[in-house]
Amino acid sequence: METNCSNFYNGIFLNPDGTVKPCCRFSKDLNLKWNNNPNEILNSKEYKDLRQKAQENAYIDGCNKCYDEDKSGFMSLRQRFNKKFRRPKHSLEYLELAFNNVCNLTCIGCEPKYSNLWGRKLGYISPETSNNFHLKENFEDLSYVSFFGGEPFATENHQQFLHFLIERGLAKNITIEYTTNCTLNPKPEWEETIKHFKKTIVICSIDGLDKVNENIRIGSQWNKTSKVFNKFKSMSVELWINTVVMTENVFHLKDLSEWVNSNNVDRWTCNVLTWPRELSIATLSNVDKQALYPIIENLKITDKEFILEQLKH
């Protein structure tokens, strides 16, 4: 099994709390903190160890989800990274960036780490976290920036960083990507700013229609989500939808599939939830799994093989 990944050479994911990993999926804590020097991070002992293991095709603890996708015959995120970033250069090309955990929802598959409202809900004294992100040097090879949260459109940090990239003449070579809960309209200035960039991708996290989405993404209202979605449709962006498949929506995927296909989005991706465990489709009864299998098999749905594979567990 091949385990090499381009993100071990040129990718950084910065968490709201300032910790660093190769990508948002990597499940192991590397004990690395952002220090405003991407080259130092990419050449750290931790990244060197990852590269050494990958070159030996050794199993890497933290990459489990990609291995599961590889096993199911689906093109994993690791494979997609390798296709997109081919240079084995140890410089920052791909940056996943969560400035803070400020969010306006408490989605049932989320946690305080990525939503300050979850922190308040659980009675945390200091629910908000933010990092001291700056990029002063070693960013010349940057070609892709993915904004996470929290909810990226709930704060202005991303707008300030876009201006930084424009001022340094880098924007025309950079694709920017947003993962949003599709409940907040970007400010008018944003639509003008993104014109400087090579491409803008907006990924709307939508897990179902009407009450299904509202019950998963607590605090959202479907009429508002629909309006924001239609606003993005009217913009010059590449529009994607991402769905997290779980026990709360797996029986409603047919309705969602029809809605997605009727909206002619550029791409629809489905991830399968693995935490919290009680929401995983792997916990469904065998009777439910057997009923679901032929339904999903006949749907016009992306990532079908990976979903079906999880139903076998």
C-alpha atoms as a PDB file:
ATOM      1  CA  MET A   1       0.000   0.000   0.000  1.00  0.00           C
ATOM      2  CA  GLU A   2       1.363   3.384  -1.004  1.00  0.00           C
ATOM      3  CA  THR A   3       1.340   5.937   1.824  1.00  0.00           C
ATOM      4  CA  ASN A   4       3.249   8.873   0.356  1.00  0.00           C
ATOM      5  CA  CYS A   5       1.477  12.244   0.380  1.00  0.00           C
ATOM      6  CA  SER A   6       2.517  15.594  -1.060  1.00  0.00           C
ATOM      7  CA  ASN A   7       1.341  17.324   2.111  1.00  0.00           C
ATOM      8  CA  PHE A   8       4.298  15.817   3.959  1.00  0.00           C
ATOM      9  CA  TYR A   9       6.456  18.024   1.705  1.00  0.00           C
ATOM     10  CA  ASN A  10       4.461  21.202   1.094  1.00  0.00           C
ATOM     11  CA  GLY A  11       1.168  21.218   3.042  1.00  0.00           C
ATOM     12  CA  ILE A  12       0.251  22.805   6.361  1.00  0.00           C
ATOM     13  CA  PHE A  13      -3.045  22.820   8.237  1.00  0.00           C
ATOM     14  CA  LEU A  14      -3.261  25.429  10.993  1.00  0.00           C
ATOM     15  CA  ASN A  15      -5.839  24.730  13.690  1.00  0.00           C
ATOM     16  CA  PRO A  16      -7.682  27.527  15.535  1.00  0.00           C
ATOM     17  CA  ASP A  17      -5.565  26.764  18.622  1.00  0.00           C
ATOM     18  CA  GLY A  18      -2.311  27.250  16.690  1.00  0.00           C
ATOM     19  CA  THR A  19      -1.353  23.587  16.367  1.00  0.00           C
ATOM     20  CA  VAL A  20      -0.087  22.352  12.997  1.00  0.00           C
ATOM     21  CA  LYS A  21      -0.705  19.165  10.998  1.00  0.00           C
ATOM     22  CA  PRO A  22      -0.137  18.131   7.353  1.00  0.00           C
ATOM     23  CA  CYS A  23      -3.879  18.395   6.607  1.00  0.00           C
ATOM     24  CA  CYS A  24      -7.246  18.792   8.327  1.00  0.00           C
ATOM     25  CA  ARG A  25      -7.841  15.032   8.247  1.00  0.00           C
ATOM     26  CA  PHE A  26      -4.628  14.017   9.961  1.00  0.00           C
ATOM     27  CA  SER A  27      -5.870  12.612  13.270  1.00  0.00           C
ATOM     28  CA  LYS A  28      -2.662  12.500  15.305  1.00  0.00           C
ATOM     29  CA  ASP A  29      -1.235  15.385  17.325  1.00  0.00           C
ATOM     30  CA  LEU A  30       2.287  16.194  16.099  1.00  0.00           C
ATOM     31  CA  ASN A  31       2.974  18.624  18.956  1.00  0.00           C
ATOM     32  CA  LEU A  32       3.863  21.310  16.408  1.00  0.00           C
ATOM     33  CA  LYS A  33       2.841  24.956  16.864  1.00  0.00           C
ATOM     34  CA  TRP A  34       2.649  27.652  14.207  1.00  0.00           C
ATOM     35  CA  ASN A  35       5.716  29.898  14.369  1.00  0.00           C
ATOM     36  CA  ASN A  36       5.212  32.074  11.243  1.00  0.00           C
ATOM     37  CA  ASN A  37       7.967  30.156   9.465  1.00  0.00           C
ATOM     38  CA  PRO A  38       6.521  27.497   7.119  1.00  0.00           C
ATOM     39  CA  ASN A  39       9.952  26.320   5.954  1.00  0.00           C
ATOM     40  CA  GLU A  40      10.963  25.547   9.516  1.00  0.00           C
ATOM     41  CA  ILE A  41       7.771  23.539  10.033  1.00  0.00           C
ATOM     42  CA  LEU A  42       8.100  21.641   6.732  1.00  0.00           C
ATOM     43  CA  ASN A  43      11.673  20.720   7.626  1.00  0.00           C
ATOM     44  CA  SER A  44      10.920  19.853  11.251  1.00  0.00           C
ATOM     45  CA  LYS A  45      11.743  16.456  12.708  1.00  0.00           C
ATOM     46  CA  GLU A  46       8.035  15.610  12.715  1.00  0.00           C
ATOM     47  CA  TYR A  47       7.608  16.242   8.967  1.00  0.00           C
ATOM     48  CA  LYS A  48      10.895  14.485   8.167  1.00  0.00           C
ATOM     49  CA  ASP A  49       9.677  11.424  10.067  1.00  0.00           C
ATOM     50  CA  LEU A  50       6.443  11.434   8.063  1.00  0.00           C
ATOM     51  CA  ARG A  51       8.368  11.644   4.785  1.00  0.00           C
ATOM     52  CA  GLN A  52      10.693   8.830   5.833  1.00  0.00           C
ATOM     53  CA  LYS A  53       7.785   6.529   6.723  1.00  0.00           C
ATOM     54  CA  ALA A  54       5.931   7.427   3.513  1.00  0.00           C
ATOM     55  CA  GLN A  55       8.954   6.705   1.342  1.00  0.00           C
ATOM     56  CA  GLU A  56       9.097   3.262   2.963  1.00  0.00           C
ATOM     57  CA  ASN A  57       5.326   2.838   2.385  1.00  0.00           C
ATOM     58  CA  ALA A  58       4.950   2.330   6.122  1.00  0.00           C
ATOM     59  CA  TYR A  59       1.556   2.713   7.808  1.00  0.00           C
ATOM     60  CA  ILE A  60       1.233   6.243   9.191  1.00  0.00           C
ATOM     61  CA  ASP A  61      -0.917   6.723  12.250  1.00  0.00           C
ATOM     62  CA  GLY A  62      -3.130   9.720  11.468  1.00  0.00           C
ATOM     63  CA  CYS A  63      -3.877   8.925   7.813  1.00  0.00           C
ATOM     64  CA  ASN A  64      -6.524   6.288   8.520  1.00  0.00           C
ATOM     65  CA  LYS A  65      -9.371   7.941   6.628  1.00  0.00           C
ATOM     66  CA  CYS A  66      -7.380   8.149   3.388  1.00  0.00           C
ATOM     67  CA  TYR A  67      -6.327   4.527   3.779  1.00  0.00           C
ATOM     68  CA  ASP A  68      -9.994   3.546   4.136  1.00  0.00           C
ATOM     69  CA  GLU A  69     -10.798   5.469   0.954  1.00  0.00           C
ATOM     70  CA  ASP A  70      -7.889   3.846  -0.890  1.00  0.00           C
ATOM     71  CA  LYS A  71      -9.110   0.426   0.231  1.00  0.00           C
ATOM     72  CA  SER A  72     -12.644   1.068  -1.046  1.00  0.00           C
ATOM     73  CA  GLY A  73     -11.335   1.988  -4.496  1.00  0.00           C
ATOM     74  CA  PHE A  74     -12.285   5.643  -4.083  1.00  0.00           C
ATOM     75  CA  MET A  75      -9.776   8.377  -4.935  1.00  0.00           C
ATOM     76  CA  SER A  76      -8.644   9.427  -1.485  1.00  0.00           C
ATOM     77  CA  LEU A  77      -7.717  12.927  -0.429  1.00  0.00           C
ATOM     78  CA  ARG A  78      -4.102  11.733  -0.373  1.00  0.00           C
ATOM     79  CA  GLN A  79      -4.312  10.732  -4.028  1.00  0.00           C
ATOM     80  CA  ARG A  80      -5.963  14.026  -4.923  1.00  0.00           C
ATOM     81  CA  PHE A  81      -3.197  15.957  -3.179  1.00  0.00           C
ATOM     82  CA  ASN A  82      -0.549  13.943  -5.023  1.00  0.00           C
ATOM     83  CA  LYS A  83      -2.205  14.700  -8.342  1.00  0.00           C
ATOM     84  CA  LYS A  84      -2.483  18.412  -7.620  1.00  0.00           C
ATOM     85  CA  PHE A  85       0.915  19.083  -6.003  1.00  0.00           C
ATOM     86  CA  ARG A  86       3.643  17.164  -7.809  1.00  0.00           C
ATOM     87  CA  ARG A  87       6.792  19.024  -6.777  1.00  0.00           C
ATOM     88  CA  PRO A  88       8.770  17.203  -4.045  1.00  0.00           C
ATOM     89  CA  LYS A  89      10.020  20.587  -2.917  1.00  0.00           C
ATOM     90  CA  HIS A  90       9.927  21.350   0.803  1.00  0.00           C
ATOM     91  CA  SER A  91       8.129  24.681   0.504  1.00  0.00           C
ATOM     92  CA  LEU A  92       4.663  25.905   1.323  1.00  0.00           C
ATOM     93  CA  GLU A  93       2.291  25.259  -1.589  1.00  0.00           C
ATOM     94  CA  TYR A  94      -0.907  24.208   0.151  1.00  0.00           C
ATOM     95  CA  LEU A  95      -2.210  26.058   3.221  1.00  0.00           C
ATOM     96  CA  GLU A  96      -5.335  25.065   5.139  1.00  0.00           C
ATOM     97  CA  LEU A  97      -6.105  27.865   7.522  1.00  0.00           C
ATOM     98  CA  ALA A  98      -8.535  28.216  10.430  1.00  0.00           C
ATOM     99  CA  PHE A  99      -7.932  31.610  12.032  1.00  0.00           C
ATOM    100  CA  ASN A 100     -10.250  30.871  14.952  1.00  0.00           C
ATOM    101  CA  ASN A 101     -13.189  28.747  16.060  1.00  0.00           C
ATOM    102  CA  VAL A 102     -15.807  31.522  15.852  1.00  0.00           C
ATOM    103  CA  CYS A 103     -19.005  29.984  14.500  1.00  0.00           C
ATOM    104  CA  ASN A 104     -22.738  30.711  14.507  1.00  0.00           C
ATOM    105  CA  LEU A 105     -23.871  27.055  14.670  1.00  0.00           C
ATOM    106  CA  THR A 106     -23.549  23.999  16.922  1.00  0.00           C
ATOM    107  CA  CYS A 107     -23.554  21.159  14.380  1.00  0.00           C
ATOM    108  CA  ILE A 108     -24.076  17.746  15.952  1.00  0.00           C
ATOM    109  CA  GLY A 109     -20.857  16.325  14.475  1.00  0.00           C
ATOM    110  CA  CYS A 110     -18.705  19.232  15.664  1.00  0.00           C
ATOM    111  CA  GLU A 111     -16.949  20.199  18.914  1.00  0.00           C
ATOM    112  CA  PRO A 112     -15.682  23.299  20.785  1.00  0.00           C
ATOM    113  CA  LYS A 113     -12.359  23.048  18.941  1.00  0.00           C
ATOM    114  CA  TYR A 114     -14.132  24.234  15.784  1.00  0.00           C
ATOM    115  CA  SER A 115     -17.142  26.089  17.208  1.00  0.00           C
ATOM    116  CA  ASN A 116     -17.010  28.559  20.074  1.00  0.00           C
ATOM    117  CA  LEU A 117     -20.800  28.208  20.438  1.00  0.00           C
ATOM    118  CA  TRP A 118     -20.245  24.552  21.314  1.00  0.00           C
ATOM    119  CA  GLY A 119     -17.891  25.777  24.030  1.00  0.00           C
ATOM    120  CA  ARG A 120     -20.578  28.050  25.427  1.00  0.00           C
ATOM    121  CA  LYS A 121     -23.154  25.286  25.182  1.00  0.00           C
ATOM    122  CA  LEU A 122     -20.918  23.035  27.295  1.00  0.00           C
ATOM    123  CA  GLY A 123     -20.175  25.819  29.785  1.00  0.00           C
ATOM    124  CA  TYR A 124     -16.564  26.526  28.857  1.00  0.00           C
ATOM    125  CA  ILE A 125     -15.193  29.659  30.548  1.00  0.00           C
ATOM    126  CA  SER A 126     -13.053  30.596  27.511  1.00  0.00           C
ATOM    127  CA  PRO A 127     -14.747  28.998  24.494  1.00  0.00           C
ATOM    128  CA  GLU A 128     -13.015  31.064  21.825  1.00  0.00           C
ATOM    129  CA  THR A 129      -9.595  30.126  20.467  1.00  0.00           C
ATOM    130  CA  SER A 130      -7.507  31.897  17.833  1.00  0.00           C
ATOM    131  CA  ASN A 131      -3.973  31.605  16.533  1.00  0.00           C
ATOM    132  CA  ASN A 132      -1.317  34.257  15.920  1.00  0.00           C
ATOM    133  CA  PHE A 133      -1.099  33.591  12.192  1.00  0.00           C
ATOM    134  CA  HIS A 134       1.290  35.721  10.153  1.00  0.00           C
ATOM    135  CA  LEU A 135       3.116  34.914   6.932  1.00  0.00           C
ATOM    136  CA  LYS A 136       6.171  37.129   6.642  1.00  0.00           C
ATOM    137  CA  GLU A 137       8.405  34.994   4.443  1.00  0.00           C
ATOM    138  CA  ASN A 138       8.741  31.663   2.630  1.00  0.00           C
ATOM    139  CA  PHE A 139       5.374  31.913   0.843  1.00  0.00           C
ATOM    140  CA  GLU A 140       6.567  32.385  -2.760  1.00  0.00           C
ATOM    141  CA  ASP A 141       5.417  28.905  -3.875  1.00  0.00           C
ATOM    142  CA  LEU A 142       1.976  29.202  -2.307  1.00  0.00           C
ATOM    143  CA  SER A 143      -0.649  28.146  -4.869  1.00  0.00           C
ATOM    144  CA  TYR A 144      -3.688  27.008  -2.857  1.00  0.00           C
ATOM    145  CA  VAL A 145      -5.283  28.439   0.300  1.00  0.00           C
ATOM    146  CA  SER A 146      -8.237  26.709   1.949  1.00  0.00           C
ATOM    147  CA  PHE A 147     -10.151  28.653   4.621  1.00  0.00           C
ATOM    148  CA  PHE A 148     -11.790  26.717   7.442  1.00  0.00           C
ATOM    149  CA  GLY A 149     -13.260  27.777  10.742  1.00  0.00           C
ATOM    150  CA  GLY A 150     -15.254  28.094  12.805  1.00  0.00           C
ATOM    151  CA  GLU A 151     -17.176  29.751  10.054  1.00  0.00           C
ATOM    152  CA  PRO A 152     -14.785  31.752   7.833  1.00  0.00           C
ATOM    153  CA  PHE A 153     -17.440  34.319   6.869  1.00  0.00           C
ATOM    154  CA  ALA A 154     -18.080  35.081  10.559  1.00  0.00           C
ATOM    155  CA  THR A 155     -14.763  36.957  10.847  1.00  0.00           C
ATOM    156  CA  GLU A 156     -12.684  39.391   8.791  1.00  0.00           C
ATOM    157  CA  ASN A 157      -9.319  37.624   9.136  1.00  0.00           C
ATOM    158  CA  HIS A 158      -9.578  35.937   5.751  1.00  0.00           C
ATOM    159  CA  GLN A 159     -10.247  39.271   4.023  1.00  0.00           C
ATOM    160  CA  GLN A 160      -7.090  40.763   5.533  1.00  0.00           C
ATOM    161  CA  PHE A 161      -5.040  37.784   4.363  1.00  0.00           C
ATOM    162  CA  LEU A 162      -6.441  38.108   0.828  1.00  0.00           C
ATOM    163  CA  HIS A 163      -5.249  41.717   0.755  1.00  0.00           C
ATOM    164  CA  PHE A 164      -1.818  40.563   1.938  1.00  0.00           C
ATOM    165  CA  LEU A 165      -1.569  38.148  -1.009  1.00  0.00           C
ATOM    166  CA  ILE A 166      -2.795  40.775  -3.473  1.00  0.00           C
ATOM    167  CA  GLU A 167      -0.302  43.377  -2.240  1.00  0.00           C
ATOM    168  CA  ARG A 168       2.557  40.941  -2.779  1.00  0.00           C
ATOM    169  CA  GLY A 169       1.490  40.146  -6.315  1.00  0.00           C
ATOM    170  CA  LEU A 170       0.743  36.483  -5.554  1.00  0.00           C
ATOM    171  CA  ALA A 171      -3.047  36.398  -5.928  1.00  0.00           C
ATOM    172  CA  LYS A 172      -3.095  35.680  -9.668  1.00  0.00           C
ATOM    173  CA  ASN A 173      -1.287  32.362  -9.044  1.00  0.00           C
ATOM    174  CA  ILE A 174      -3.396  31.240  -6.081  1.00  0.00           C
ATOM    175  CA  THR A 175      -6.656  29.318  -5.854  1.00  0.00           C
ATOM    176  CA  ILE A 176      -8.660  30.141  -2.726  1.00  0.00           C
ATOM    177  CA  GLU A 177     -11.210  27.778  -1.233  1.00  0.00           C
ATOM    178  CA  TYR A 178     -13.825  28.348   1.462  1.00  0.00           C
ATOM    179  CA  THR A 179     -15.671  25.725   3.492  1.00  0.00           C
ATOM    180  CA  THR A 180     -18.808  27.458   4.770  1.00  0.00           C
ATOM    181  CA  ASN A 181     -21.987  26.417   6.565  1.00  0.00           C
ATOM    182  CA  CYS A 182     -23.868  28.500   3.994  1.00  0.00           C
ATOM    183  CA  THR A 183     -25.710  30.710   6.485  1.00  0.00           C
ATOM    184  CA  LEU A 184     -23.788  33.995   6.168  1.00  0.00           C
ATOM    185  CA  ASN A 185     -23.436  36.185   3.094  1.00  0.00           C
ATOM    186  CA  PRO A 186     -19.904  37.449   2.417  1.00  0.00           C
ATOM    187  CA  LYS A 187     -19.539  41.211   2.506  1.00  0.00           C
ATOM    188  CA  PRO A 188     -19.760  43.060  -0.861  1.00  0.00           C
ATOM    189  CA  GLU A 189     -16.031  43.840  -0.718  1.00  0.00           C
ATOM    190  CA  TRP A 190     -15.242  40.121  -0.870  1.00  0.00           C
ATOM    191  CA  GLU A 191     -16.806  39.669  -4.292  1.00  0.00           C
ATOM    192  CA  GLU A 192     -14.483  42.344  -5.678  1.00  0.00           C
ATOM    193  CA  THR A 193     -11.424  41.017  -3.850  1.00  0.00           C
ATOM    194  CA  ILE A 194     -11.681  37.488  -5.228  1.00  0.00           C
ATOM    195  CA  LYS A 195     -11.424  38.788  -8.793  1.00  0.00           C
ATOM    196  CA  HIS A 196      -7.667  39.121  -8.205  1.00  0.00           C
ATOM    197  CA  PHE A 197      -7.247  35.373  -7.622  1.00  0.00           C
ATOM    198  CA  LYS A 198      -6.717  32.534 -10.075  1.00  0.00           C
ATOM    199  CA  LYS A 199      -9.878  30.763  -8.930  1.00  0.00           C
ATOM    200  CA  THR A 200     -12.321  30.847  -6.022  1.00  0.00           C
ATOM    201  CA  ILE A 201     -14.026  27.684  -4.799  1.00  0.00           C
ATOM    202  CA  VAL A 202     -16.899  27.850  -2.319  1.00  0.00           C
ATOM    203  CA  ILE A 203     -17.785  24.568  -0.601  1.00  0.00           C
ATOM    204  CA  CYS A 204     -21.229  24.731   1.005  1.00  0.00           C
ATOM    205  CA  SER A 205     -21.664  22.230   3.824  1.00  0.00           C
ATOM    206  CA  ILE A 206     -25.209  20.939   3.296  1.00  0.00           C
ATOM    207  CA  ASP A 207     -26.236  17.651   4.904  1.00  0.00           C
ATOM    208  CA  GLY A 208     -29.871  17.441   3.855  1.00  0.00           C
ATOM    209  CA  LEU A 209     -32.953  19.396   2.901  1.00  0.00           C
ATOM    210  CA  ASP A 210     -35.153  21.490   5.167  1.00  0.00           C
ATOM    211  CA  LYS A 211     -35.470  19.984   8.668  1.00  0.00           C
ATOM    212  CA  VAL A 212     -32.814  17.341   8.002  1.00  0.00           C
ATOM    213  CA  ASN A 213     -30.162  20.028   7.559  1.00  0.00           C
ATOM    214  CA  GLU A 214     -31.552  22.128  10.419  1.00  0.00           C
ATOM    215  CA  ASN A 215     -31.463  19.163  12.819  1.00  0.00           C
ATOM    216  CA  ILE A 216     -27.829  18.427  11.953  1.00  0.00           C
ATOM    217  CA  ARG A 217     -26.594  22.013  11.642  1.00  0.00           C
ATOM    218  CA  ILE A 218     -28.293  23.348  14.746  1.00  0.00           C
ATOM    219  CA  GLY A 219     -28.988  27.065  14.561  1.00  0.00           C
ATOM    220  CA  SER A 220     -29.413  27.099  10.786  1.00  0.00           C
ATOM    221  CA  GLN A 221     -32.671  27.819   8.947  1.00  0.00           C
ATOM    222  CA  TRP A 222     -33.252  26.196   5.575  1.00  0.00           C
ATOM    223  CA  ASN A 223     -34.776  29.308   3.987  1.00  0.00           C
ATOM    224  CA  LYS A 224     -31.672  31.291   4.956  1.00  0.00           C
ATOM    225  CA  THR A 225     -29.325  28.510   3.793  1.00  0.00           C
ATOM    226  CA  SER A 226     -31.138  28.412   0.434  1.00  0.00           C
ATOM    227  CA  LYS A 227     -30.831  32.183  -0.014  1.00  0.00           C
ATOM    228  CA  VAL A 228     -27.099  32.178   0.763  1.00  0.00           C
ATOM    229  CA  PHE A 229     -26.593  29.203  -1.558  1.00  0.00           C
ATOM    230  CA  ASN A 230     -28.403  31.029  -4.375  1.00  0.00           C
ATOM    231  CA  LYS A 231     -26.275  34.109  -3.708  1.00  0.00           C
ATOM    232  CA  PHE A 232     -23.124  32.058  -4.243  1.00  0.00           C
ATOM    233  CA  LYS A 233     -24.674  30.594  -7.410  1.00  0.00           C
ATOM    234  CA  SER A 234     -24.935  34.120  -8.810  1.00  0.00           C
ATOM    235  CA  MET A 235     -21.222  34.827  -8.217  1.00  0.00           C
ATOM    236  CA  SER A 236     -18.203  34.017 -10.332  1.00  0.00           C
ATOM    237  CA  VAL A 237     -17.085  31.130  -8.146  1.00  0.00           C
ATOM    238  CA  GLU A 238     -16.753  27.385  -8.546  1.00  0.00           C
ATOM    239  CA  LEU A 239     -19.553  26.063  -6.350  1.00  0.00           C
ATOM    240  CA  TRP A 240     -19.300  22.747  -4.511  1.00  0.00           C
ATOM    241  CA  ILE A 241     -21.467  21.002  -1.941  1.00  0.00           C
ATOM    242  CA  ASN A 242     -20.047  18.776   0.764  1.00  0.00           C
ATOM    243  CA  THR A 243     -22.222  16.365   2.718  1.00  0.00           C
ATOM    244  CA  VAL A 244     -21.246  14.521   5.870  1.00  0.00           C
ATOM    245  CA  VAL A 245     -23.036  11.160   5.760  1.00  0.00           C
ATOM    246  CA  MET A 246     -24.277   9.982   9.172  1.00  0.00           C
ATOM    247  CA  THR A 247     -27.193   8.181  10.797  1.00  0.00           C
ATOM    248  CA  GLU A 248     -29.234  11.411  10.816  1.00  0.00           C
ATOM    249  CA  ASN A 249     -29.248  11.891   7.037  1.00  0.00           C
ATOM    250  CA  VAL A 250     -28.325   8.614   5.337  1.00  0.00           C
ATOM    251  CA  PHE A 251     -31.998   7.689   4.824  1.00  0.00           C
ATOM    252  CA  HIS A 252     -32.596  11.077   3.153  1.00  0.00           C
ATOM    253  CA  LEU A 253     -29.749  11.012   0.628  1.00  0.00           C
ATOM    254  CA  LYS A 254     -32.108  10.365  -2.287  1.00  0.00           C
ATOM    255  CA  ASP A 255     -33.911  13.676  -1.737  1.00  0.00           C
ATOM    256  CA  LEU A 256     -30.620  15.507  -1.326  1.00  0.00           C
ATOM    257  CA  SER A 257     -29.204  13.838  -4.441  1.00  0.00           C
ATOM    258  CA  GLU A 258     -32.143  15.052  -6.538  1.00  0.00           C
ATOM    259  CA  TRP A 259     -31.789  18.591  -5.160  1.00  0.00           C
ATOM    260  CA  VAL A 260     -28.035  18.684  -5.792  1.00  0.00           C
ATOM    261  CA  ASN A 261     -28.431  17.416  -9.345  1.00  0.00           C
ATOM    262  CA  SER A 262     -31.163  19.971 -10.065  1.00  0.00           C
ATOM    263  CA  ASN A 263     -28.849  22.796  -9.005  1.00  0.00           C
ATOM    264  CA  ASN A 264     -26.025  21.849 -11.386  1.00  0.00           C
ATOM    265  CA  VAL A 265     -23.227  22.492  -8.896  1.00  0.00           C
ATOM    266  CA  ASP A 266     -19.660  22.036 -10.054  1.00  0.00           C
ATOM    267  CA  ARG A 267     -18.956  19.241  -7.607  1.00  0.00           C
ATOM    268  CA  TRP A 268     -20.637  17.268  -4.833  1.00  0.00           C
ATOM    269  CA  THR A 269     -18.518  15.388  -2.326  1.00  0.00           C
ATOM    270  CA  CYS A 270     -19.605  13.127   0.518  1.00  0.00           C
ATOM    271  CA  ASN A 271     -17.582  12.375   3.616  1.00  0.00           C
ATOM    272  CA  VAL A 272     -18.566   9.625   6.022  1.00  0.00           C
ATOM    273  CA  LEU A 273     -18.663  10.682   9.670  1.00  0.00           C
ATOM    274  CA  THR A 274     -16.509   8.633  12.024  1.00  0.00           C
ATOM    275  CA  TRP A 275     -16.901  10.746  15.200  1.00  0.00           C
ATOM    276  CA  PRO A 276     -18.912  10.876  17.377  1.00  0.00           C
ATOM    277  CA  ARG A 277     -19.222   7.122  17.076  1.00  0.00           C
ATOM    278  CA  GLU A 278     -22.960   6.988  17.816  1.00  0.00           C
ATOM    279  CA  LEU A 279     -23.675   8.987  14.628  1.00  0.00           C
ATOM    280  CA  SER A 280     -21.598   6.718  12.391  1.00  0.00           C
ATOM    281  CA  ILE A 281     -23.524   4.661   9.832  1.00  0.00           C
ATOM    282  CA  ALA A 282     -21.319   1.736  10.880  1.00  0.00           C
ATOM    283  CA  THR A 283     -23.447   1.551  14.063  1.00  0.00           C
ATOM    284  CA  LEU A 284     -26.706   0.967  12.159  1.00  0.00           C
ATOM    285  CA  SER A 285     -28.426  -2.395  12.531  1.00  0.00           C
ATOM    286  CA  ASN A 286     -27.801  -5.039   9.891  1.00  0.00           C
ATOM    287  CA  VAL A 287     -31.448  -4.721   8.832  1.00  0.00           C
ATOM    288  CA  ASP A 288     -30.996  -0.971   8.171  1.00  0.00           C
ATOM    289  CA  LYS A 289     -27.707  -1.539   6.356  1.00  0.00           C
ATOM    290  CA  GLN A 290     -29.250  -4.164   4.102  1.00  0.00           C
ATOM    291  CA  ALA A 291     -32.145  -1.821   3.308  1.00  0.00           C
ATOM    292  CA  LEU A 292     -29.821   1.101   2.576  1.00  0.00           C
ATOM    293  CA  TYR A 293     -27.314  -0.727   0.412  1.00  0.00           C
ATOM    294  CA  PRO A 294     -29.452  -1.087  -2.764  1.00  0.00           C
ATOM    295  CA  ILE A 295     -30.906   2.415  -2.323  1.00  0.00           C
ATOM    296  CA  ILE A 296     -27.488   4.092  -2.254  1.00  0.00           C
ATOM    297  CA  GLU A 297     -26.156   1.772  -4.947  1.00  0.00           C
ATOM    298  CA  ASN A 298     -28.810   3.098  -7.353  1.00  0.00           C
ATOM    299  CA  LEU A 299     -28.396   6.776  -6.491  1.00  0.00           C
ATOM    300  CA  LYS A 300     -26.608   9.308  -8.634  1.00  0.00           C
ATOM    301  CA  ILE A 301     -24.315  10.163  -5.745  1.00  0.00           C
ATOM    302  CA  THR A 302     -20.630  10.914  -5.510  1.00  0.00           C
ATOM    303  CA  ASP A 303     -18.258   8.900  -3.349  1.00  0.00           C
ATOM    304  CA  LYS A 304     -20.801   6.057  -3.504  1.00  0.00           C
ATOM    305  CA  GLU A 305     -18.218   3.293  -3.176  1.00  0.00           C
ATOM    306  CA  PHE A 306     -16.830   4.723   0.044  1.00  0.00           C
ATOM    307  CA  ILE A 307     -20.300   5.021   1.610  1.00  0.00           C
ATOM    308  CA  LEU A 308     -21.156   1.447   0.607  1.00  0.00           C
ATOM    309  CA  GLU A 309     -17.868   0.217   2.041  1.00  0.00           C
ATOM    310  CA  GLN A 310     -18.730   1.760   5.426  1.00  0.00           C
ATOM    311  CA  LEU A 311     -22.078  -0.041   5.428  1.00  0.00           C
ATOM    312  CA  LYS A 312     -20.185  -3.344   5.295  1.00  0.00           C
ATOM    313  CA  HIS A 313     -18.521  -2.686   8.647  1.00  0.00           C
END
